[in-house]
Amino acid sequence: MKLYIASDGWPFYLQEDGTLTDTPNPNQSDLGWNDLIELMEWDDGVRLATDEEFEEHQYNHAMAGLEYLVKV
């Protein structure tokens, strides 16, 4: 799963169906986009997260009691 970071630091996970959500589990998300193009049109500073950022966001989800991914 790819993680994109908005210019304000907000994370968005690319789902299998092409949507982006602010949590790995779309059922726990409260903010999302229909696709990467839509997100990039809204925020031209969106970028692919680094491995370190991915791991940091996974840790934050775990600490909040949300489902998260374990990157292998």
N, C-alpha and C. Protein backbone atom coordinates (compact mmCIF):
# COMPACT_ATOMS: atom_id res chain seq x y z
N MET A 1 0.85 -1.17 0.00
CA MET A 1 0.00 0.00 0.00
C MET A 1 0.89 1.23 0.00
N LYS A 2 0.58 2.17 -0.88
CA LYS A 2 1.35 3.41 -0.95
C LYS A 2 0.72 4.46 -0.06
N LEU A 3 1.56 5.28 0.51
CA LEU A 3 1.13 6.38 1.36
C LEU A 3 1.59 7.68 0.71
N TYR A 4 0.65 8.59 0.56
CA TYR A 4 0.96 9.92 0.04
C TYR A 4 0.77 10.92 1.17
N ILE A 5 1.59 11.97 1.15
CA ILE A 5 1.54 13.00 2.17
C ILE A 5 1.13 14.32 1.50
N ALA A 6 0.07 14.93 2.02
CA ALA A 6 -0.37 16.23 1.52
C ALA A 6 0.60 17.31 2.00
N SER A 7 0.53 18.47 1.40
CA SER A 7 1.46 19.54 1.75
C SER A 7 1.32 19.98 3.21
N ASP A 8 0.16 19.72 3.81
CA ASP A 8 -0.03 20.06 5.23
C ASP A 8 0.38 18.91 6.16
N GLY A 9 0.93 17.82 5.58
CA GLY A 9 1.40 16.69 6.38
C GLY A 9 0.37 15.59 6.57
N TRP A 10 -0.84 15.77 6.07
CA TRP A 10 -1.90 14.79 6.26
C TRP A 10 -1.64 13.56 5.39
N PRO A 11 -1.77 12.35 5.96
CA PRO A 11 -1.49 11.12 5.20
C PRO A 11 -2.71 10.63 4.41
N PHE A 12 -2.47 10.07 3.25
CA PHE A 12 -3.52 9.44 2.45
C PHE A 12 -3.00 8.14 1.88
N TYR A 13 -3.73 7.06 2.17
CA TYR A 13 -3.35 5.71 1.72
C TYR A 13 -4.06 5.39 0.41
N LEU A 14 -3.30 4.92 -0.57
CA LEU A 14 -3.87 4.53 -1.84
C LEU A 14 -4.48 3.13 -1.70
N GLN A 15 -5.80 3.05 -1.87
CA GLN A 15 -6.52 1.79 -1.74
C GLN A 15 -6.49 1.02 -3.07
N GLU A 16 -6.84 -0.25 -3.02
CA GLU A 16 -6.83 -1.09 -4.21
C GLU A 16 -7.75 -0.56 -5.30
N ASP A 17 -8.84 0.09 -4.91
CA ASP A 17 -9.79 0.61 -5.91
C ASP A 17 -9.39 1.98 -6.46
N GLY A 18 -8.23 2.51 -6.04
CA GLY A 18 -7.73 3.78 -6.54
C GLY A 18 -8.11 4.99 -5.70
N THR A 19 -8.99 4.79 -4.71
CA THR A 19 -9.34 5.90 -3.82
C THR A 19 -8.20 6.11 -2.83
N LEU A 20 -8.20 7.26 -2.18
CA LEU A 20 -7.22 7.55 -1.13
C LEU A 20 -7.98 7.89 0.14
N THR A 21 -7.53 7.31 1.26
CA THR A 21 -8.17 7.54 2.55
C THR A 21 -7.12 7.90 3.58
N ASP A 22 -7.56 8.57 4.65
CA ASP A 22 -6.60 9.03 5.65
C ASP A 22 -6.24 7.96 6.69
N THR A 23 -6.77 6.76 6.51
CA THR A 23 -6.36 5.60 7.32
C THR A 23 -6.19 4.41 6.38
N PRO A 24 -5.39 3.43 6.78
CA PRO A 24 -5.23 2.25 5.94
C PRO A 24 -6.55 1.51 5.71
N ASN A 25 -7.40 1.48 6.72
CA ASN A 25 -8.70 0.84 6.61
C ASN A 25 -9.72 1.90 6.20
N PRO A 26 -10.27 1.81 4.99
CA PRO A 26 -11.20 2.85 4.55
C PRO A 26 -12.45 2.97 5.42
N ASN A 27 -12.81 1.92 6.14
CA ASN A 27 -13.97 1.98 7.02
C ASN A 27 -13.72 2.85 8.26
N GLN A 28 -12.47 3.13 8.56
CA GLN A 28 -12.12 3.98 9.70
C GLN A 28 -11.76 5.40 9.27
N SER A 29 -11.88 5.67 8.00
CA SER A 29 -11.46 6.96 7.45
C SER A 29 -12.53 8.02 7.61
N ASP A 30 -12.09 9.27 7.83
CA ASP A 30 -13.04 10.37 7.84
C ASP A 30 -12.72 11.40 6.76
N LEU A 31 -11.71 11.14 5.96
CA LEU A 31 -11.36 12.04 4.87
C LEU A 31 -10.79 11.22 3.73
N GLY A 32 -11.23 11.49 2.52
CA GLY A 32 -10.74 10.72 1.39
C GLY A 32 -10.93 11.44 0.06
N TRP A 33 -10.35 10.83 -0.96
CA TRP A 33 -10.40 11.36 -2.33
C TRP A 33 -10.75 10.22 -3.27
N ASN A 34 -11.36 10.57 -4.40
CA ASN A 34 -11.75 9.55 -5.39
C ASN A 34 -10.56 8.92 -6.08
N ASP A 35 -9.50 9.70 -6.29
CA ASP A 35 -8.29 9.17 -6.92
C ASP A 35 -7.13 10.15 -6.70
N LEU A 36 -5.95 9.72 -7.10
CA LEU A 36 -4.75 10.53 -6.89
C LEU A 36 -4.79 11.83 -7.69
N ILE A 37 -5.36 11.78 -8.88
CA ILE A 37 -5.46 12.99 -9.69
C ILE A 37 -6.29 14.05 -8.97
N GLU A 38 -7.42 13.64 -8.41
CA GLU A 38 -8.27 14.58 -7.68
C GLU A 38 -7.53 15.20 -6.50
N LEU A 39 -6.81 14.38 -5.75
CA LEU A 39 -6.03 14.88 -4.62
C LEU A 39 -4.96 15.86 -5.09
N MET A 40 -4.27 15.53 -6.17
CA MET A 40 -3.20 16.39 -6.68
C MET A 40 -3.74 17.69 -7.27
N GLU A 41 -4.97 17.67 -7.79
CA GLU A 41 -5.58 18.91 -8.28
C GLU A 41 -5.92 19.83 -7.11
N TRP A 42 -6.28 19.25 -5.97
CA TRP A 42 -6.60 20.03 -4.78
C TRP A 42 -5.34 20.54 -4.09
N ASP A 43 -4.28 19.72 -4.12
CA ASP A 43 -3.04 20.04 -3.41
C ASP A 43 -1.86 19.65 -4.30
N ASP A 44 -1.24 20.63 -4.92
CA ASP A 44 -0.13 20.32 -5.83
C ASP A 44 1.17 19.99 -5.10
N GLY A 45 1.13 19.98 -3.77
CA GLY A 45 2.31 19.62 -2.98
C GLY A 45 2.30 18.18 -2.49
N VAL A 46 1.35 17.37 -2.95
CA VAL A 46 1.27 15.96 -2.54
C VAL A 46 2.51 15.22 -3.02
N ARG A 47 3.01 14.34 -2.15
CA ARG A 47 4.20 13.56 -2.51
C ARG A 47 4.10 12.17 -1.91
N LEU A 48 4.84 11.24 -2.48
CA LEU A 48 4.92 9.89 -1.97
C LEU A 48 5.71 9.91 -0.66
N ALA A 49 5.21 9.22 0.34
CA ALA A 49 5.87 9.19 1.65
C ALA A 49 7.17 8.39 1.59
N THR A 50 8.09 8.74 2.46
CA THR A 50 9.31 7.95 2.61
C THR A 50 8.98 6.71 3.44
N ASP A 51 9.87 5.74 3.45
CA ASP A 51 9.68 4.55 4.28
C ASP A 51 9.55 4.93 5.76
N GLU A 52 10.34 5.90 6.19
CA GLU A 52 10.30 6.33 7.59
C GLU A 52 8.95 6.96 7.93
N GLU A 53 8.41 7.77 7.03
CA GLU A 53 7.09 8.37 7.27
C GLU A 53 6.01 7.30 7.30
N PHE A 54 6.12 6.31 6.42
CA PHE A 54 5.15 5.22 6.40
C PHE A 54 5.14 4.52 7.76
N GLU A 55 6.31 4.19 8.26
CA GLU A 55 6.40 3.50 9.55
C GLU A 55 5.89 4.38 10.69
N GLU A 56 6.17 5.67 10.63
CA GLU A 56 5.70 6.59 11.67
C GLU A 56 4.17 6.64 11.69
N HIS A 57 3.56 6.70 10.53
CA HIS A 57 2.09 6.75 10.48
C HIS A 57 1.49 5.43 10.94
N GLN A 58 2.14 4.32 10.66
CA GLN A 58 1.65 3.03 11.13
C GLN A 58 1.69 2.99 12.66
N TYR A 59 2.75 3.48 13.23
CA TYR A 59 2.88 3.54 14.69
C TYR A 59 1.77 4.40 15.29
N ASN A 60 1.52 5.56 14.67
CA ASN A 60 0.47 6.46 15.17
C ASN A 60 -0.90 5.78 15.14
N HIS A 61 -1.18 5.03 14.07
CA HIS A 61 -2.46 4.32 13.98
C HIS A 61 -2.56 3.26 15.08
N ALA A 62 -1.48 2.55 15.31
CA ALA A 62 -1.48 1.51 16.34
C ALA A 62 -1.71 2.13 17.71
N MET A 63 -1.08 3.26 17.98
CA MET A 63 -1.23 3.92 19.27
C MET A 63 -2.66 4.44 19.47
N ALA A 64 -3.33 4.77 18.38
CA ALA A 64 -4.70 5.28 18.46
C ALA A 64 -5.73 4.15 18.48
N GLY A 65 -5.26 2.91 18.40
CA GLY A 65 -6.17 1.78 18.42
C GLY A 65 -6.85 1.51 17.10
N LEU A 66 -6.31 2.08 16.01
CA LEU A 66 -6.85 1.85 14.68
C LEU A 66 -6.10 0.70 14.01
N GLU A 67 -6.78 0.08 13.04
CA GLU A 67 -6.10 -0.97 12.27
C GLU A 67 -4.94 -0.33 11.51
N TYR A 68 -3.88 -1.06 11.37
CA TYR A 68 -2.72 -0.56 10.63
C TYR A 68 -2.08 -1.72 9.90
N LEU A 69 -1.19 -1.39 9.01
CA LEU A 69 -0.47 -2.36 8.21
C LEU A 69 0.89 -2.61 8.84
N VAL A 70 1.40 -3.79 8.66
CA VAL A 70 2.77 -4.07 9.05
C VAL A 70 3.55 -4.21 7.77
N LYS A 71 4.47 -3.29 7.55
CA LYS A 71 5.25 -3.29 6.31
C LYS A 71 6.33 -4.35 6.41
N VAL A 72 6.39 -5.23 5.42
CA VAL A 72 7.40 -6.28 5.39
C VAL A 72 8.38 -6.05 4.29
